[in-house]
N, C-alpha and C. Protein backbone atom coordinates (compact mmCIF):
# COMPACT_ATOMS: atom_id res chain seq x y z
N UNK A 1 17.70 -34.60 -5.45
CA UNK A 1 18.86 -33.86 -5.01
C UNK A 1 19.40 -34.52 -3.74
N UNK A 2 20.67 -34.88 -3.74
CA UNK A 2 21.22 -35.57 -2.57
C UNK A 2 21.29 -34.65 -1.35
N UNK A 3 21.12 -35.25 -0.17
CA UNK A 3 21.17 -34.48 1.07
C UNK A 3 22.59 -34.19 1.51
N UNK A 4 23.56 -34.77 0.83
CA UNK A 4 24.94 -34.55 1.24
C UNK A 4 25.81 -34.41 -0.01
N UNK A 5 27.00 -33.88 0.20
CA UNK A 5 27.96 -33.73 -0.89
C UNK A 5 29.30 -34.27 -0.40
N UNK A 6 29.93 -35.07 -1.24
CA UNK A 6 31.27 -35.59 -0.92
C UNK A 6 32.31 -34.71 -1.60
N UNK A 7 33.16 -34.14 -0.79
CA UNK A 7 34.28 -33.36 -1.30
C UNK A 7 35.55 -34.03 -0.80
N UNK A 8 36.25 -34.68 -1.73
CA UNK A 8 37.42 -35.48 -1.39
C UNK A 8 37.05 -36.47 -0.28
N UNK A 9 37.64 -36.33 0.87
CA UNK A 9 37.37 -37.28 1.95
C UNK A 9 36.37 -36.74 2.98
N UNK A 10 35.73 -35.62 2.68
CA UNK A 10 34.77 -35.00 3.61
C UNK A 10 33.37 -35.13 3.04
N UNK A 11 32.45 -35.53 3.88
CA UNK A 11 31.04 -35.58 3.49
C UNK A 11 30.31 -34.44 4.21
N UNK A 12 29.70 -33.55 3.42
CA UNK A 12 28.99 -32.40 3.96
C UNK A 12 27.48 -32.61 3.84
N UNK A 13 26.79 -32.24 4.91
CA UNK A 13 25.34 -32.30 4.91
C UNK A 13 24.82 -30.87 5.07
N UNK A 14 24.43 -30.22 3.97
CA UNK A 14 24.01 -28.82 4.05
C UNK A 14 22.55 -28.63 4.47
N UNK A 15 21.87 -29.69 4.87
CA UNK A 15 20.44 -29.57 5.17
C UNK A 15 20.16 -28.63 6.34
N UNK A 16 21.02 -28.64 7.36
CA UNK A 16 20.80 -27.73 8.50
C UNK A 16 20.97 -26.28 8.08
N UNK A 17 21.96 -26.03 7.25
CA UNK A 17 22.18 -24.67 6.75
C UNK A 17 20.99 -24.23 5.91
N UNK A 18 20.52 -25.12 5.04
CA UNK A 18 19.37 -24.79 4.20
C UNK A 18 18.13 -24.54 5.04
N UNK A 19 17.89 -25.37 6.05
CA UNK A 19 16.73 -25.17 6.93
C UNK A 19 16.83 -23.85 7.68
N UNK A 20 18.02 -23.55 8.19
CA UNK A 20 18.24 -22.30 8.91
C UNK A 20 18.04 -21.10 7.99
N UNK A 21 18.55 -21.20 6.78
CA UNK A 21 18.39 -20.11 5.81
C UNK A 21 16.92 -19.94 5.45
N UNK A 22 16.21 -21.03 5.25
CA UNK A 22 14.79 -20.97 4.93
C UNK A 22 14.02 -20.29 6.06
N UNK A 23 14.34 -20.62 7.30
CA UNK A 23 13.68 -20.01 8.45
C UNK A 23 14.00 -18.52 8.53
N UNK A 24 15.25 -18.15 8.28
CA UNK A 24 15.64 -16.75 8.33
C UNK A 24 14.94 -15.94 7.23
N UNK A 25 14.84 -16.51 6.04
CA UNK A 25 14.15 -15.83 4.94
C UNK A 25 12.68 -15.64 5.29
N UNK A 26 12.07 -16.64 5.90
CA UNK A 26 10.68 -16.52 6.32
C UNK A 26 10.52 -15.37 7.32
N UNK A 27 11.44 -15.25 8.26
CA UNK A 27 11.39 -14.16 9.24
C UNK A 27 11.56 -12.81 8.55
N UNK A 28 12.47 -12.73 7.57
CA UNK A 28 12.66 -11.47 6.84
C UNK A 28 11.39 -11.08 6.09
N UNK A 29 10.76 -12.06 5.47
CA UNK A 29 9.53 -11.79 4.73
C UNK A 29 8.45 -11.28 5.68
N UNK A 30 8.34 -11.90 6.84
CA UNK A 30 7.35 -11.48 7.82
C UNK A 30 7.60 -10.05 8.29
N UNK A 31 8.85 -9.74 8.61
CA UNK A 31 9.19 -8.38 9.07
C UNK A 31 8.94 -7.37 7.96
N UNK A 32 9.33 -7.70 6.73
CA UNK A 32 9.13 -6.80 5.60
C UNK A 32 7.64 -6.59 5.34
N UNK A 33 6.86 -7.64 5.44
CA UNK A 33 5.41 -7.52 5.26
C UNK A 33 4.78 -6.62 6.30
N UNK A 34 5.23 -6.76 7.56
CA UNK A 34 4.70 -5.89 8.62
C UNK A 34 5.08 -4.44 8.37
N UNK A 35 6.32 -4.22 7.91
CA UNK A 35 6.77 -2.86 7.61
C UNK A 35 5.93 -2.25 6.49
N UNK A 36 5.70 -3.00 5.42
CA UNK A 36 4.88 -2.51 4.32
C UNK A 36 3.45 -2.24 4.78
N UNK A 37 2.94 -3.10 5.64
CA UNK A 37 1.59 -2.90 6.18
C UNK A 37 1.51 -1.61 6.97
N UNK A 38 2.49 -1.36 7.82
CA UNK A 38 2.50 -0.13 8.62
C UNK A 38 2.59 1.11 7.74
N UNK A 39 3.43 1.05 6.71
CA UNK A 39 3.56 2.19 5.80
C UNK A 39 2.24 2.43 5.07
N UNK A 40 1.64 1.37 4.57
CA UNK A 40 0.37 1.51 3.86
C UNK A 40 -0.73 2.04 4.78
N UNK A 41 -0.71 1.56 6.01
CA UNK A 41 -1.72 2.02 6.97
C UNK A 41 -1.56 3.51 7.27
N UNK A 42 -0.32 3.97 7.42
CA UNK A 42 -0.05 5.38 7.65
C UNK A 42 -0.49 6.22 6.46
N UNK A 43 -0.15 5.75 5.26
CA UNK A 43 -0.54 6.49 4.05
C UNK A 43 -2.05 6.54 3.89
N UNK A 44 -2.73 5.43 4.16
CA UNK A 44 -4.19 5.42 4.05
C UNK A 44 -4.84 6.34 5.09
N UNK A 45 -4.25 6.40 6.27
CA UNK A 45 -4.79 7.31 7.30
C UNK A 45 -4.65 8.75 6.84
N UNK A 46 -3.52 9.08 6.21
CA UNK A 46 -3.31 10.44 5.70
C UNK A 46 -4.31 10.77 4.60
N UNK A 47 -4.53 9.82 3.70
CA UNK A 47 -5.51 10.05 2.63
C UNK A 47 -6.91 10.18 3.22
N UNK A 48 -7.22 9.37 4.20
CA UNK A 48 -8.54 9.44 4.85
C UNK A 48 -8.74 10.81 5.49
N UNK A 49 -7.71 11.31 6.16
CA UNK A 49 -7.80 12.62 6.78
C UNK A 49 -8.02 13.71 5.74
N UNK A 50 -7.29 13.62 4.63
CA UNK A 50 -7.47 14.61 3.56
C UNK A 50 -8.88 14.54 2.98
N UNK A 51 -9.37 13.32 2.79
CA UNK A 51 -10.73 13.18 2.25
C UNK A 51 -11.77 13.73 3.21
N UNK A 52 -11.58 13.49 4.50
CA UNK A 52 -12.51 14.04 5.49
C UNK A 52 -12.51 15.56 5.44
N UNK A 53 -11.32 16.14 5.34
CA UNK A 53 -11.21 17.61 5.29
C UNK A 53 -11.88 18.15 4.03
N UNK A 54 -11.59 17.53 2.89
CA UNK A 54 -12.20 17.98 1.64
C UNK A 54 -13.71 17.79 1.67
N UNK A 55 -14.15 16.69 2.25
CA UNK A 55 -15.58 16.42 2.33
C UNK A 55 -16.27 17.52 3.15
N UNK A 56 -15.66 17.89 4.25
CA UNK A 56 -16.23 18.96 5.07
C UNK A 56 -16.30 20.28 4.33
N UNK A 57 -15.28 20.54 3.51
CA UNK A 57 -15.26 21.79 2.75
C UNK A 57 -16.26 21.76 1.60
N UNK A 58 -16.50 20.58 1.05
CA UNK A 58 -17.41 20.47 -0.09
C UNK A 58 -18.88 20.56 0.29
N UNK A 59 -19.22 20.01 1.43
CA UNK A 59 -20.62 19.96 1.80
C UNK A 59 -21.06 21.19 2.58
N UNK A 60 -20.79 22.32 1.97
CA UNK A 60 -21.29 23.59 2.50
C UNK A 60 -22.22 24.18 1.46
N UNK A 61 -23.22 24.85 1.91
CA UNK A 61 -24.14 25.49 0.99
C UNK A 61 -23.68 26.93 0.76
N UNK A 62 -23.12 27.19 -0.42
CA UNK A 62 -22.66 28.55 -0.69
C UNK A 62 -23.85 29.50 -0.79
N UNK A 63 -23.70 30.63 -0.13
CA UNK A 63 -24.78 31.61 -0.15
C UNK A 63 -24.46 32.80 -1.03
N UNK A 64 -23.20 32.92 -1.42
CA UNK A 64 -22.84 34.01 -2.32
C UNK A 64 -21.76 33.53 -3.28
N UNK A 65 -21.35 34.42 -4.16
CA UNK A 65 -20.39 34.06 -5.20
C UNK A 65 -19.04 33.67 -4.62
N UNK A 66 -18.59 34.32 -3.59
CA UNK A 66 -17.29 34.02 -2.99
C UNK A 66 -17.27 32.62 -2.38
N UNK A 67 -18.33 32.24 -1.71
CA UNK A 67 -18.40 30.90 -1.14
C UNK A 67 -18.47 29.84 -2.23
N UNK A 68 -19.17 30.14 -3.32
CA UNK A 68 -19.21 29.22 -4.46
C UNK A 68 -17.82 29.05 -5.07
N UNK A 69 -17.09 30.15 -5.20
CA UNK A 69 -15.72 30.08 -5.72
C UNK A 69 -14.85 29.21 -4.81
N UNK A 70 -15.04 29.36 -3.50
CA UNK A 70 -14.26 28.57 -2.55
C UNK A 70 -14.56 27.08 -2.72
N UNK A 71 -15.82 26.72 -2.89
CA UNK A 71 -16.19 25.32 -3.08
C UNK A 71 -15.61 24.80 -4.40
N UNK A 72 -15.67 25.59 -5.44
CA UNK A 72 -15.11 25.18 -6.73
C UNK A 72 -13.59 25.02 -6.65
N UNK A 73 -12.94 25.84 -5.86
CA UNK A 73 -11.49 25.68 -5.67
C UNK A 73 -11.19 24.37 -4.94
N UNK A 74 -12.01 24.01 -3.98
CA UNK A 74 -11.83 22.74 -3.27
C UNK A 74 -11.98 21.58 -4.25
N UNK A 75 -12.98 21.68 -5.13
CA UNK A 75 -13.18 20.63 -6.13
C UNK A 75 -11.95 20.54 -7.03
N UNK A 76 -11.46 21.67 -7.48
CA UNK A 76 -10.28 21.69 -8.34
C UNK A 76 -9.06 21.10 -7.63
N UNK A 77 -8.85 21.48 -6.37
CA UNK A 77 -7.72 20.94 -5.61
C UNK A 77 -7.85 19.43 -5.43
N UNK A 78 -9.07 18.97 -5.16
CA UNK A 78 -9.25 17.53 -4.93
C UNK A 78 -9.03 16.74 -6.22
N UNK A 79 -9.43 17.29 -7.35
CA UNK A 79 -9.20 16.61 -8.62
C UNK A 79 -7.71 16.55 -8.94
N UNK A 80 -7.01 17.60 -8.63
CA UNK A 80 -5.59 17.67 -8.95
C UNK A 80 -4.69 17.06 -7.89
N UNK A 81 -5.22 16.67 -6.75
CA UNK A 81 -4.40 16.13 -5.67
C UNK A 81 -3.93 14.72 -6.03
N UNK A 82 -2.63 14.51 -6.01
CA UNK A 82 -2.03 13.26 -6.47
C UNK A 82 -2.48 12.04 -5.67
N UNK A 83 -2.50 12.14 -4.35
CA UNK A 83 -2.85 10.97 -3.55
C UNK A 83 -4.30 10.56 -3.78
N UNK A 84 -5.17 11.52 -4.01
CA UNK A 84 -6.57 11.19 -4.26
C UNK A 84 -6.71 10.57 -5.64
N UNK A 85 -5.97 11.08 -6.62
CA UNK A 85 -5.99 10.47 -7.95
C UNK A 85 -5.50 9.03 -7.88
N UNK A 86 -4.41 8.81 -7.11
CA UNK A 86 -3.88 7.45 -6.97
C UNK A 86 -4.90 6.54 -6.30
N UNK A 87 -5.57 7.03 -5.28
CA UNK A 87 -6.59 6.24 -4.59
C UNK A 87 -7.72 5.88 -5.54
N UNK A 88 -8.14 6.83 -6.34
CA UNK A 88 -9.20 6.57 -7.32
C UNK A 88 -8.74 5.53 -8.33
N UNK A 89 -7.47 5.60 -8.74
CA UNK A 89 -6.93 4.64 -9.70
C UNK A 89 -6.93 3.24 -9.09
N UNK A 90 -6.53 3.13 -7.83
CA UNK A 90 -6.51 1.83 -7.16
C UNK A 90 -7.92 1.27 -7.06
N UNK A 91 -8.88 2.13 -6.70
CA UNK A 91 -10.26 1.67 -6.59
C UNK A 91 -10.81 1.25 -7.95
N UNK A 92 -10.44 1.98 -9.00
CA UNK A 92 -10.90 1.64 -10.34
C UNK A 92 -10.32 0.29 -10.76
N UNK A 93 -9.02 0.09 -10.51
CA UNK A 93 -8.39 -1.18 -10.86
C UNK A 93 -9.01 -2.34 -10.09
N UNK A 94 -9.31 -2.12 -8.82
CA UNK A 94 -9.95 -3.17 -8.01
C UNK A 94 -11.34 -3.50 -8.56
N UNK A 95 -12.06 -2.49 -8.98
CA UNK A 95 -13.38 -2.72 -9.54
C UNK A 95 -13.29 -3.50 -10.85
N UNK A 96 -12.31 -3.18 -11.68
CA UNK A 96 -12.12 -3.89 -12.94
C UNK A 96 -11.75 -5.35 -12.67
N UNK A 97 -10.86 -5.58 -11.70
CA UNK A 97 -10.49 -6.95 -11.36
C UNK A 97 -11.68 -7.74 -10.84
N UNK A 98 -12.50 -7.08 -10.04
CA UNK A 98 -13.66 -7.76 -9.46
C UNK A 98 -14.66 -8.16 -10.54
N UNK A 99 -14.81 -7.35 -11.57
CA UNK A 99 -15.77 -7.67 -12.61
C UNK A 99 -15.23 -8.70 -13.59
N UNK A 100 -13.91 -8.83 -13.68
CA UNK A 100 -13.33 -9.79 -14.62
C UNK A 100 -13.14 -11.17 -14.01
N UNK A 101 -13.28 -11.30 -12.69
CA UNK A 101 -13.08 -12.61 -12.05
C UNK A 101 -14.37 -13.26 -11.75
């Protein structure tokens, strides 16, 4: 690919524009990656907090029927909670990838 283009009597060298554009795209990718990282980190912190809360509620020794019902409700909520299901799906996919490579 030629570094210049002749248009009638003008010779254009687009290499500086291409280099500048390449640098700008690299900066955009870096900023976008940092943004995605921050969002993922926030979401993971929220899931971690939910798991800690559920864990605390689950590891109680029920002494009567009402406390047992409460623990079973926590189990039901945790199974039906979307973010926990998604986290389990991600972990399952990662495990499958790890065993296939």
